[in-house]
Amino acid sequence: MFPLPLPELLGFVGVAILLVAFFLNLFGWSPAGSWRYLSLNLVGATLACVSSYLIDFMPFVLLEGTWALVAACALARKLTHHATA
């Protein structure tokens, strides 16, 4: 099992980060609109997307790519609102 090929390593790390964000939110330690939650989602989904691309699994490229894009848009919106406030 170890050492893991790069696509698997990226996938494991990405999914682990997404699960951390989920649990932090579920237990009230990181609200859905927080910097931490959005950043974890962006990084985790991006890693999972790259992993899926490397193994040529396009359904998850679409899923994780969309997830990362939505998280990036939410972060950008938060950043622009924070800058103007």
Protein backbone atom coordinates (compact mmCIF):
# COMPACT_ATOMS: atom_id res chain seq x y z
CA MET A 1 0.00 0.00 0.00
CA PHE A 2 2.81 2.44 0.74
CA PRO A 3 4.30 4.40 -0.87
CA LEU A 4 1.14 5.52 -2.60
CA PRO A 5 1.15 6.58 -6.23
CA LEU A 6 0.71 10.35 -6.60
CA PRO A 7 -2.94 10.24 -7.76
CA GLU A 8 -3.94 8.14 -4.75
CA LEU A 9 -1.97 10.30 -2.34
CA LEU A 10 -3.59 13.47 -3.68
CA GLY A 11 -7.01 11.82 -3.52
CA PHE A 12 -6.57 10.64 0.07
CA VAL A 13 -5.31 14.02 1.24
CA GLY A 14 -8.05 15.90 -0.63
CA VAL A 15 -10.85 13.72 0.69
CA ALA A 16 -9.41 13.85 4.21
CA ILE A 17 -9.44 17.67 4.08
CA LEU A 18 -13.05 17.66 2.82
CA LEU A 19 -14.04 15.35 5.68
CA VAL A 20 -12.32 17.57 8.23
CA ALA A 21 -14.28 20.55 6.89
CA PHE A 22 -17.51 18.53 7.05
CA PHE A 23 -16.96 17.43 10.66
CA LEU A 24 -15.88 20.90 11.80
CA ASN A 25 -19.06 22.31 10.31
CA LEU A 26 -21.28 19.51 11.59
CA PHE A 27 -20.13 20.02 15.17
CA GLY A 28 -20.38 23.80 14.97
CA TRP A 29 -16.65 24.52 15.08
CA SER A 30 -16.49 26.04 11.61
CA PRO A 31 -19.60 27.74 10.15
CA ALA A 32 -20.28 27.14 6.46
CA GLY A 33 -19.41 30.72 5.51
CA SER A 34 -16.17 30.88 7.49
CA TRP A 35 -12.75 31.37 5.93
CA ARG A 36 -11.60 28.04 7.40
CA TYR A 37 -14.51 26.05 6.01
CA LEU A 38 -14.36 27.59 2.54
CA SER A 39 -10.56 27.28 2.35
CA LEU A 40 -10.62 23.64 3.41
CA ASN A 41 -13.28 22.93 0.78
CA LEU A 42 -11.28 24.71 -1.92
CA VAL A 43 -8.03 22.89 -1.16
CA GLY A 44 -9.64 19.50 -0.58
CA ALA A 45 -11.81 19.62 -3.69
CA THR A 46 -8.92 20.85 -5.83
CA LEU A 47 -6.69 17.98 -4.70
CA ALA A 48 -9.49 15.46 -5.25
CA CYS A 49 -10.16 16.95 -8.70
CA VAL A 50 -6.50 16.69 -9.72
CA SER A 51 -6.39 13.12 -8.43
CA SER A 52 -9.50 12.21 -10.44
CA TYR A 53 -8.04 13.81 -13.55
CA LEU A 54 -4.80 11.87 -13.16
CA ILE A 55 -6.69 8.58 -13.02
CA ASP A 56 -8.94 9.69 -15.90
CA PHE A 57 -12.18 9.52 -13.88
CA MET A 58 -14.11 12.36 -15.45
CA PRO A 59 -17.35 12.17 -13.38
CA PHE A 60 -15.36 13.08 -10.28
CA VAL A 61 -13.37 15.71 -12.16
CA LEU A 62 -16.72 17.37 -12.83
CA LEU A 63 -17.92 16.92 -9.23
CA GLU A 64 -14.75 18.03 -7.49
CA GLY A 65 -13.99 20.74 -10.04
CA THR A 66 -17.42 22.24 -9.48
CA TRP A 67 -16.98 21.94 -5.71
CA ALA A 68 -13.64 23.75 -5.90
CA LEU A 69 -15.05 26.44 -8.21
CA VAL A 70 -18.00 27.12 -5.89
CA ALA A 71 -15.67 27.32 -2.87
CA ALA A 72 -13.35 29.68 -4.78
CA CYS A 73 -16.29 31.90 -5.76
CA ALA A 74 -17.52 31.99 -2.16
CA LEU A 75 -14.03 32.90 -0.94
CA ALA A 76 -13.71 35.62 -3.59
CA ARG A 77 -17.10 37.01 -2.66
CA LYS A 78 -16.16 36.96 1.02
CA LEU A 79 -12.86 38.68 0.23
CA THR A 80 -14.51 41.45 -1.82
CA HIS A 81 -17.20 42.00 0.81
CA HIS A 82 -14.57 42.01 3.55
CA ALA A 83 -12.44 44.53 1.62
CA THR A 84 -15.37 46.89 1.09
CA ALA A 85 -16.67 46.63 4.67
